[in-house]
């Protein structure tokens, strides 16, 4: 969520003037986007009554297909907008011109509803508006760039009250025509969003965004919860930036996994540089994609249940601990996750398959984002393997994606799982290599 510079804040117009200006700009944008499915909302400080603000109108655009927004770039340029391309790598678009910032997200993106909740909550709580304004004006010495803590606190309260929508409703049909490059982009962005999904809402895991890399850290010494993603180093600075990442985790004495994509991460010799820095190859996975036109749904005869409570999540995590994930996974991570993140309407759906004795034996997650149904965490406890349970879970998740109107599914397949996915019709499209690092053993 973009945070305003405190030093730039001033109150130039009455709020009704901002509302008028938003309506005028919204009308211009609706002409530009014309035939596309997109809704515009007034967000940010100028959308909040009696709130000190910059002389900038923030506009949220929400669409059913973010990939088509680029077809309007020339018209937006003619209207005075400039695009910041780096935001496209994270699955959303950002344009700006004098006094207007335009943020466009797909309806499945959690950030879309988060922006709306913030403005909705403050307009319903005038006492918090004054606190927000005072905070922006009074904390310059302590925090000259970010109000992240305040915004997170407000969002938690908005979620607790449930007076504002927690999830943006689907706006229209999902993307059906895909080029190979679009599939690879969607797979990467879906995976990135999946891996950071809980981090904003729990106190035991954190995201550290850098312009050229994303770092996830937790209080748990397990590299499943400490991860490096989306590396965009240059040949000139790669060694220095790798050292920065290593020092970041070394200072916290945390093992971590560095996910790399041969298709998108840079520089081209990143893998060699990581190995030279002491990281060790952990997994060599295949990115795969399924076109639902080539898939025949199969009804499951197994007891597959969606996890909608922390008791359900405990069953989910119980399976994970039997395949090697830390016993602290539930107490230190999942127990802190607010239920709205996985309940009805959320893009994140967790499932558990139970055997005939009612014991949890297989997990599965489907994450709906950027036009694809991303499949994750297909695990079966050792004693229940070779019984078709992972296949049953996959059919359940794929059927769920079809019910929601998705036309394509993606995943990253390990060597153990790739044959299962091939039988279901998944085709390879890219490659991921995961490196691991435990400072006690690798880099002393």
Protein backbone atom coordinates (compact mmCIF):
# COMPACT_ATOMS: atom_id res chain seq x y z
CA UNK A 1 0.00 0.00 0.00
CA UNK A 2 1.58 3.30 -1.05
CA UNK A 3 2.24 5.61 1.90
CA UNK A 4 2.33 9.38 1.63
CA UNK A 5 5.36 11.51 2.42
CA UNK A 6 4.50 13.30 5.64
CA UNK A 7 6.49 16.40 4.72
CA UNK A 8 4.33 16.97 1.61
CA UNK A 9 0.98 17.07 3.38
CA UNK A 10 -1.21 20.15 3.40
CA UNK A 11 -4.92 20.92 3.25
CA UNK A 12 -5.72 22.98 0.14
CA UNK A 13 -9.36 22.21 -0.61
CA UNK A 14 -12.49 21.25 1.22
CA UNK A 15 -13.33 17.58 0.90
CA UNK A 16 -16.30 18.34 -1.36
CA UNK A 17 -13.86 19.89 -3.83
CA UNK A 18 -11.82 16.68 -3.87
CA UNK A 19 -15.00 14.68 -4.45
CA UNK A 20 -15.86 16.92 -7.40
CA UNK A 21 -12.37 16.57 -8.89
CA UNK A 22 -12.48 12.80 -8.48
CA UNK A 23 -15.85 12.62 -10.27
CA UNK A 24 -14.44 14.66 -13.17
CA UNK A 25 -11.36 12.48 -13.49
CA UNK A 26 -13.40 9.31 -13.14
CA UNK A 27 -15.54 10.43 -16.09
CA UNK A 28 -12.41 10.96 -18.20
CA UNK A 29 -11.04 7.54 -17.23
CA UNK A 30 -14.30 5.79 -18.05
CA UNK A 31 -14.09 7.20 -21.56
CA UNK A 32 -10.49 5.97 -21.91
CA UNK A 33 -11.22 2.46 -20.66
CA UNK A 34 -14.61 2.37 -22.40
CA UNK A 35 -15.22 -1.30 -23.28
CA UNK A 36 -13.13 -2.79 -20.47
CA UNK A 37 -14.62 -4.02 -17.21
CA UNK A 38 -13.22 -1.65 -14.58
CA UNK A 39 -14.58 0.29 -11.61
CA UNK A 40 -13.03 3.42 -10.12
CA UNK A 41 -13.01 4.42 -6.46
CA UNK A 42 -11.83 7.53 -4.62
CA UNK A 43 -9.21 6.50 -2.02
CA UNK A 44 -6.45 8.11 0.03
CA UNK A 45 -6.58 11.21 2.21
CA UNK A 46 -8.68 13.27 -0.18
CA UNK A 47 -11.43 10.63 0.08
CA UNK A 48 -11.61 11.09 3.87
CA UNK A 49 -13.69 13.92 5.27
CA UNK A 50 -11.81 16.52 7.37
CA UNK A 51 -8.47 14.83 6.74
CA UNK A 52 -5.29 16.77 6.00
CA UNK A 53 -4.06 15.75 2.58
CA UNK A 54 -1.67 16.32 -0.23
CA UNK A 55 -2.94 18.05 -3.36
CA UNK A 56 -3.24 14.66 -5.00
CA UNK A 57 -6.30 12.58 -5.78
CA UNK A 58 -5.70 8.85 -5.38
CA UNK A 59 -7.90 6.71 -7.60
CA UNK A 60 -8.30 2.96 -7.31
CA UNK A 61 -9.21 1.07 -10.47
CA UNK A 62 -10.38 -2.54 -10.10
CA UNK A 63 -10.68 -4.84 -13.11
CA UNK A 64 -11.35 -8.49 -13.86
CA UNK A 65 -8.26 -8.76 -16.12
CA UNK A 66 -5.15 -6.70 -15.36
CA UNK A 67 -3.41 -7.90 -18.55
CA UNK A 68 -5.61 -5.76 -20.82
CA UNK A 69 -4.84 -2.48 -19.08
CA UNK A 70 -1.70 -1.98 -21.19
CA UNK A 71 -3.89 -1.69 -24.31
CA UNK A 72 -4.89 1.75 -22.99
CA UNK A 73 -1.36 3.04 -22.36
CA UNK A 74 -1.31 5.33 -25.40
CA UNK A 75 -4.64 6.92 -24.47
CA UNK A 76 -3.47 7.40 -20.88
CA UNK A 77 -0.29 9.04 -22.18
CA UNK A 78 -2.39 11.41 -24.28
CA UNK A 79 -4.35 12.25 -21.13
CA UNK A 80 -1.14 13.20 -19.36
CA UNK A 81 -0.44 10.01 -17.43
CA UNK A 82 2.96 8.37 -17.02
CA UNK A 83 3.28 4.66 -16.28
CA UNK A 84 5.69 3.25 -13.72
CA UNK A 85 6.58 -0.11 -15.29
CA UNK A 86 8.10 -1.70 -12.20
CA UNK A 87 4.65 -2.02 -10.66
CA UNK A 88 3.59 -4.32 -13.50
CA UNK A 89 6.05 -6.92 -12.20
CA UNK A 90 3.97 -7.15 -9.01
CA UNK A 91 0.69 -7.64 -10.85
CA UNK A 92 -0.76 -4.16 -10.70
CA UNK A 93 -0.46 -0.94 -12.67
CA UNK A 94 0.40 2.53 -11.46
CA UNK A 95 -0.01 5.74 -13.47
CA UNK A 96 0.39 9.32 -12.38
CA UNK A 97 -0.01 12.83 -13.64
CA UNK A 98 -0.17 16.22 -11.97
CA UNK A 99 -2.39 15.92 -8.88
CA UNK A 100 -3.63 12.39 -9.75
CA UNK A 101 -2.32 8.93 -8.85
CA UNK A 102 -4.07 5.98 -10.51
CA UNK A 103 -3.62 2.51 -8.96
CA UNK A 104 -5.14 -0.43 -10.87
CA UNK A 105 -5.52 -3.91 -9.38
CA UNK A 106 -7.26 -7.12 -10.38
CA UNK A 107 -10.37 -7.82 -8.30
CA UNK A 108 -8.68 -10.84 -6.68
CA UNK A 109 -5.80 -8.72 -5.35
CA UNK A 110 -6.05 -8.28 -1.55
CA UNK A 111 -4.69 -4.75 -1.86
CA UNK A 112 -7.82 -3.55 -3.67
CA UNK A 113 -10.10 -4.26 -0.71
CA UNK A 114 -7.42 -3.07 1.72
CA UNK A 115 -7.36 0.39 0.13
CA UNK A 116 -11.15 0.63 0.32
CA UNK A 117 -11.36 -0.57 3.92
CA UNK A 118 -8.99 2.16 5.08
CA UNK A 119 -11.01 5.06 3.65
CA UNK A 120 -14.33 3.45 4.65
CA UNK A 121 -13.24 2.94 8.25
CA UNK A 122 -11.88 6.47 8.75
CA UNK A 123 -15.00 8.07 7.27
CA UNK A 124 -17.04 6.05 9.78
CA UNK A 125 -14.76 7.03 12.70
CA UNK A 126 -14.13 10.82 12.73
CA UNK A 127 -12.07 10.52 15.92
CA UNK A 128 -9.57 8.37 14.02
CA UNK A 129 -9.40 10.95 11.21
CA UNK A 130 -8.08 13.54 13.62
CA UNK A 131 -5.57 11.03 14.97
CA UNK A 132 -4.49 10.22 11.40
CA UNK A 133 -4.08 13.90 10.51
CA UNK A 134 -2.21 14.65 13.74
CA UNK A 135 0.01 11.65 13.21
CA UNK A 136 0.94 12.72 9.71
CA UNK A 137 1.75 16.21 10.90
CA UNK A 138 3.39 15.35 14.22
CA UNK A 139 5.71 12.40 13.60
CA UNK A 140 8.06 13.97 11.11
CA UNK A 141 11.07 13.53 13.38
CA UNK A 142 10.26 9.89 14.16
CA UNK A 143 9.05 8.64 10.81
CA UNK A 144 9.37 10.94 7.82
CA UNK A 145 8.32 8.45 5.16
CA UNK A 146 5.80 5.89 6.44
CA UNK A 147 2.53 5.55 8.32
CA UNK A 148 2.51 1.80 7.83
CA UNK A 149 1.95 0.99 11.49
CA UNK A 150 -1.09 3.25 11.77
CA UNK A 151 -2.57 1.95 8.52
CA UNK A 152 -2.10 -1.66 9.62
CA UNK A 153 -3.82 -0.91 12.93
CA UNK A 154 -6.76 0.73 11.18
CA UNK A 155 -7.07 -2.19 8.77
CA UNK A 156 -7.14 -4.68 11.65
CA UNK A 157 -9.96 -2.70 13.29
CA UNK A 158 -11.85 -2.48 10.00
CA UNK A 159 -11.58 -6.24 9.61
CA UNK A 160 -12.80 -6.80 13.18
CA UNK A 161 -15.85 -4.57 12.67
CA UNK A 162 -16.64 -6.11 9.27
CA UNK A 163 -18.60 -3.03 8.26
CA UNK A 164 -16.59 -2.68 5.04
CA UNK A 165 -16.14 -5.37 2.36
CA UNK A 166 -13.30 -7.71 3.30
CA UNK A 167 -12.87 -9.00 -0.26
CA UNK A 168 -13.62 -7.33 -3.57
CA UNK A 169 -16.35 -9.23 -5.48
CA UNK A 170 -15.52 -10.72 -8.91
CA UNK A 171 -16.26 -8.25 -11.68
CA UNK A 172 -16.45 -10.47 -14.73
CA UNK A 173 -15.13 -13.46 -16.69
CA UNK A 174 -11.52 -14.56 -16.31
CA UNK A 175 -8.87 -14.30 -18.97
CA UNK A 176 -9.19 -17.13 -21.50
CA UNK A 177 -6.61 -16.39 -24.22
CA UNK A 178 -3.02 -16.76 -23.05
CA UNK A 179 0.37 -16.24 -24.67
CA UNK A 180 3.25 -18.25 -23.17
CA UNK A 181 4.88 -15.13 -21.73
CA UNK A 182 1.61 -14.17 -20.05
CA UNK A 183 1.34 -17.62 -18.46
CA UNK A 184 4.87 -17.36 -17.06
CA UNK A 185 4.20 -13.85 -15.72
CA UNK A 186 0.95 -14.96 -14.08
CA UNK A 187 2.62 -18.00 -12.51
CA UNK A 188 5.38 -15.87 -11.00
CA UNK A 189 3.12 -13.11 -9.71
CA UNK A 190 0.58 -15.56 -8.32
CA UNK A 191 3.38 -17.35 -6.44
CA UNK A 192 4.82 -14.08 -5.12
CA UNK A 193 1.40 -12.95 -3.85
CA UNK A 194 0.76 -16.39 -2.31
CA UNK A 195 4.03 -16.33 -0.38
CA UNK A 196 3.44 -12.88 1.14
CA UNK A 197 -0.32 -13.27 1.66
CA UNK A 198 -0.29 -13.66 5.47
CA UNK A 199 2.64 -11.37 6.20
CA UNK A 200 0.74 -8.08 6.48
CA UNK A 201 -1.62 -9.49 9.07
CA UNK A 202 0.51 -11.40 11.57
CA UNK A 203 3.19 -10.15 13.97
CA UNK A 204 5.48 -13.16 13.57
CA UNK A 205 6.31 -12.78 9.87
CA UNK A 206 7.43 -9.70 7.98
CA UNK A 207 7.97 -8.43 4.43
CA UNK A 208 10.98 -6.29 3.60
CA UNK A 209 10.51 -4.80 0.16
CA UNK A 210 13.60 -3.66 -1.70
CA UNK A 211 13.44 -2.13 -5.18
CA UNK A 212 15.18 -5.19 -6.60
CA UNK A 213 14.23 -8.05 -4.25
CA UNK A 214 11.58 -9.12 -1.74
CA UNK A 215 12.64 -10.59 1.61
CA UNK A 216 10.33 -12.51 3.94
CA UNK A 217 11.48 -13.13 7.50
CA UNK A 218 9.80 -14.69 10.52
CA UNK A 219 10.49 -15.62 14.10
CA UNK A 220 10.61 -19.28 13.08
CA UNK A 221 13.96 -20.96 12.24
CA UNK A 222 12.57 -22.81 9.22
CA UNK A 223 13.36 -21.78 5.65
CA UNK A 224 9.74 -22.38 4.62
CA UNK A 225 8.93 -19.11 6.41
CA UNK A 226 12.07 -17.13 5.48
CA UNK A 227 12.24 -16.60 1.76
CA UNK A 228 13.87 -14.46 -0.93
CA UNK A 229 11.72 -13.70 -3.99
CA UNK A 230 11.74 -11.74 -7.25
CA UNK A 231 15.42 -10.94 -7.68
CA UNK A 232 16.19 -8.11 -10.13
CA UNK A 233 19.88 -7.42 -9.55
CA UNK A 234 22.21 -6.06 -12.21
CA UNK A 235 25.52 -7.56 -13.27
CA UNK A 236 27.24 -4.60 -11.66
CA UNK A 237 25.62 -4.78 -8.22
CA UNK A 238 24.71 -8.47 -7.91
CA UNK A 239 27.55 -9.51 -5.58
CA UNK A 240 26.95 -6.53 -3.31
CA UNK A 241 23.20 -7.18 -3.19
CA UNK A 242 23.68 -10.87 -2.47
CA UNK A 243 25.92 -9.91 0.44
CA UNK A 244 23.20 -7.56 1.68
CA UNK A 245 20.65 -10.40 1.67
CA UNK A 246 23.02 -12.80 3.40
CA UNK A 247 23.79 -10.24 6.11
CA UNK A 248 20.08 -9.58 6.58
CA UNK A 249 19.38 -13.19 7.50
CA UNK A 250 22.71 -13.74 9.23
CA UNK A 251 22.00 -10.94 11.70
CA UNK A 252 18.78 -12.74 12.68
CA UNK A 253 20.42 -16.18 12.56
CA UNK A 254 17.64 -17.43 10.28
CA UNK A 255 17.89 -20.18 7.67
CA UNK A 256 16.28 -19.09 4.42
CA UNK A 257 15.35 -20.26 0.94
CA UNK A 258 16.15 -18.22 -2.16
CA UNK A 259 13.63 -18.91 -4.93
CA UNK A 260 14.99 -18.11 -8.38
CA UNK A 261 13.37 -18.13 -11.79
CA UNK A 262 15.42 -18.90 -14.86
CA UNK A 263 12.86 -17.00 -16.94
CA UNK A 264 12.72 -13.73 -15.00
CA UNK A 265 15.34 -13.26 -12.27
CA UNK A 266 18.54 -11.36 -13.02
CA UNK A 267 21.42 -11.23 -13.70
CA UNK A 268 21.75 -14.25 -15.98
CA UNK A 269 24.58 -15.67 -13.86
CA UNK A 270 22.64 -15.29 -10.59
CA UNK A 271 22.76 -19.03 -9.92
CA UNK A 272 26.53 -19.15 -10.21
CA UNK A 273 26.86 -16.13 -7.91
CA UNK A 274 24.58 -17.67 -5.28
CA UNK A 275 26.59 -20.87 -5.22
CA UNK A 276 29.84 -18.92 -5.01
CA UNK A 277 28.35 -17.10 -2.00
CA UNK A 278 27.84 -20.43 -0.22
CA UNK A 279 24.18 -21.22 -0.93
CA UNK A 280 23.34 -24.81 -1.76
CA UNK A 281 20.92 -26.23 -4.30
CA UNK A 282 17.75 -27.36 -2.54
CA UNK A 283 15.19 -28.01 -5.30
CA UNK A 284 14.97 -27.85 -9.08
CA UNK A 285 11.28 -27.38 -9.89
CA UNK A 286 9.28 -27.10 -13.09
CA UNK A 287 6.70 -24.36 -13.56
CA UNK A 288 3.62 -25.93 -15.14
CA UNK A 289 0.29 -24.76 -16.52
CA UNK A 290 -3.04 -26.41 -17.29
CA UNK A 291 -5.53 -25.16 -19.86
CA UNK A 292 -8.93 -26.21 -18.54
CA UNK A 293 -10.11 -26.80 -22.10
CA UNK A 294 -7.97 -29.95 -21.95
CA UNK A 295 -9.14 -31.09 -18.52
CA UNK A 296 -12.08 -33.33 -17.62
CA UNK A 297 -13.39 -32.77 -14.07
CA UNK A 298 -13.59 -35.76 -11.76
CA UNK A 299 -15.87 -35.82 -8.72
CA UNK A 300 -14.04 -36.77 -5.54
CA UNK A 301 -15.36 -39.60 -3.38
CA UNK A 302 -13.08 -38.55 -0.55
CA UNK A 303 -13.79 -36.38 2.47
CA UNK A 304 -12.23 -33.05 1.42
CA UNK A 305 -13.05 -30.06 3.62
CA UNK A 306 -12.22 -26.41 3.30
CA UNK A 307 -10.36 -24.99 6.30
CA UNK A 308 -12.47 -22.16 7.70
CA UNK A 309 -11.43 -22.11 11.36
CA UNK A 310 -8.22 -22.30 13.35
CA UNK A 311 -9.16 -25.84 14.37
CA UNK A 312 -9.21 -26.75 10.66
CA UNK A 313 -5.90 -24.99 10.14
CA UNK A 314 -4.40 -27.03 13.00
CA UNK A 315 -5.29 -30.19 11.05
CA UNK A 316 -3.68 -28.69 7.94
CA UNK A 317 -0.47 -27.88 9.80
CA UNK A 318 -0.43 -31.30 11.50
CA UNK A 319 0.11 -32.80 8.06
CA UNK A 320 2.87 -30.31 7.25
CA UNK A 321 4.80 -31.22 10.38
CA UNK A 322 4.80 -34.87 9.30
CA UNK A 323 6.66 -34.01 6.11
CA UNK A 324 9.38 -32.00 7.84
CA UNK A 325 8.04 -28.50 8.51
CA UNK A 326 8.75 -27.21 12.01
CA UNK A 327 6.43 -28.11 14.90
CA UNK A 328 6.27 -24.37 15.60
CA UNK A 329 4.46 -23.69 12.33
CA UNK A 330 1.04 -23.52 13.95
CA UNK A 331 1.86 -21.76 17.23
CA UNK A 332 4.19 -19.20 15.67
CA UNK A 333 2.57 -18.60 12.25
CA UNK A 334 -0.84 -20.07 11.45
CA UNK A 335 -2.43 -19.51 14.87
CA UNK A 336 -1.99 -15.75 14.32
CA UNK A 337 -3.65 -15.61 10.88
CA UNK A 338 -7.06 -13.83 10.99
CA UNK A 339 -9.82 -16.04 9.66
CA UNK A 340 -11.02 -13.53 7.05
CA UNK A 341 -7.89 -14.35 5.01
CA UNK A 342 -9.12 -17.87 4.27
CA UNK A 343 -12.90 -17.72 4.69
CA UNK A 344 -15.55 -17.48 1.97
CA UNK A 345 -14.73 -14.76 -0.58
CA UNK A 346 -10.99 -14.81 0.07
CA UNK A 347 -8.66 -15.63 -2.85
CA UNK A 348 -6.80 -18.07 -0.59
CA UNK A 349 -8.52 -21.44 -0.04
CA UNK A 350 -7.00 -24.19 2.14
CA UNK A 351 -8.25 -27.78 2.06
CA UNK A 352 -7.70 -30.95 4.08
CA UNK A 353 -8.51 -34.49 2.97
CA UNK A 354 -9.48 -36.87 5.77
CA UNK A 355 -9.21 -40.66 5.67
CA UNK A 356 -11.98 -43.09 6.66
CA UNK A 357 -10.98 -42.82 10.30
CA UNK A 358 -11.34 -39.04 10.20
CA UNK A 359 -7.59 -38.42 10.30
CA UNK A 360 -6.14 -35.52 8.25
CA UNK A 361 -3.82 -36.96 5.60
CA UNK A 362 -3.55 -34.63 2.57
CA UNK A 363 -3.33 -30.87 2.14
CA UNK A 364 -3.98 -28.55 -0.77
CA UNK A 365 -4.21 -24.81 -1.39
CA UNK A 366 -5.64 -22.91 -4.35
CA UNK A 367 -4.85 -19.21 -4.67
CA UNK A 368 -6.88 -17.19 -7.15
CA UNK A 369 -4.93 -14.25 -8.48
CA UNK A 370 -3.91 -12.63 -11.76
CA UNK A 371 -6.29 -14.71 -13.82
CA UNK A 372 -4.98 -18.11 -12.73
CA UNK A 373 -5.70 -20.68 -10.04
CA UNK A 374 -2.33 -21.28 -8.41
CA UNK A 375 -1.99 -24.71 -6.76
CA UNK A 376 0.25 -25.11 -3.69
CA UNK A 377 0.98 -27.40 -0.74
CA UNK A 378 -0.06 -30.74 -2.23
CA UNK A 379 1.28 -32.95 0.57
CA UNK A 380 0.29 -36.36 1.91
CA UNK A 381 1.52 -37.89 5.16
CA UNK A 382 4.01 -40.73 4.52
CA UNK A 383 1.75 -43.54 5.77
CA UNK A 384 -1.08 -42.58 3.35
CA UNK A 385 0.91 -42.21 0.14
CA UNK A 386 0.45 -44.25 -3.06
CA UNK A 387 -3.33 -44.32 -2.54
CA UNK A 388 -4.35 -41.62 -5.02
CA UNK A 389 -5.06 -39.03 -2.34
CA UNK A 390 -2.93 -36.28 -3.88
CA UNK A 391 -4.73 -36.90 -7.20
CA UNK A 392 -8.08 -36.64 -5.42
CA UNK A 393 -7.04 -33.34 -3.84
CA UNK A 394 -5.91 -31.99 -7.22
CA UNK A 395 -9.25 -32.86 -8.82
CA UNK A 396 -11.04 -31.12 -5.96
CA UNK A 397 -8.99 -27.93 -6.36
CA UNK A 398 -9.28 -27.88 -10.15
CA UNK A 399 -13.04 -28.39 -9.98
CA UNK A 400 -13.20 -25.48 -7.53
CA UNK A 401 -11.29 -23.29 -10.01
CA UNK A 402 -13.71 -24.22 -12.78
CA UNK A 403 -16.65 -23.32 -10.53
CA UNK A 404 -15.16 -19.86 -10.07
CA UNK A 405 -14.76 -19.35 -13.82
CA UNK A 406 -11.01 -19.76 -14.15
CA UNK A 407 -9.62 -21.12 -17.41
CA UNK A 408 -6.05 -21.88 -16.36
CA UNK A 409 -4.15 -23.29 -13.40
CA UNK A 410 -0.45 -23.02 -12.55
CA UNK A 411 1.97 -24.65 -10.12
CA UNK A 412 5.63 -25.38 -9.44
CA UNK A 413 6.27 -29.13 -9.57
CA UNK A 414 8.94 -30.96 -7.63
CA UNK A 415 10.57 -34.04 -9.15
CA UNK A 416 8.26 -36.19 -6.98
CA UNK A 417 5.07 -34.47 -8.14
CA UNK A 418 5.63 -33.70 -11.81
CA UNK A 419 4.33 -37.06 -13.12
CA UNK A 420 1.04 -36.58 -11.24
CA UNK A 421 0.57 -33.15 -12.77
CA UNK A 422 1.46 -34.36 -16.26
CA UNK A 423 -1.24 -37.03 -16.00
CA UNK A 424 -3.75 -34.27 -15.21
CA UNK A 425 -2.73 -32.33 -18.32
CA UNK A 426 -0.27 -29.79 -16.93
CA UNK A 427 2.45 -28.72 -19.35
CA UNK A 428 5.91 -27.33 -18.46
CA UNK A 429 6.46 -23.63 -19.12
CA UNK A 430 9.43 -22.48 -17.01
CA UNK A 431 11.88 -23.54 -14.32
CA UNK A 432 12.56 -22.58 -10.70
CA UNK A 433 15.67 -23.34 -8.71
CA UNK A 434 15.55 -23.04 -4.94
CA UNK A 435 18.72 -22.48 -2.94
CA UNK A 436 18.97 -22.96 0.80
CA UNK A 437 21.18 -21.43 3.45
CA UNK A 438 21.65 -22.27 7.10
CA UNK A 439 24.39 -20.13 8.56
CA UNK A 440 25.34 -22.65 11.18
CA UNK A 441 26.30 -25.17 8.50
CA UNK A 442 27.05 -23.20 5.34
CA UNK A 443 28.51 -19.81 5.95
CA UNK A 444 30.41 -19.77 9.22
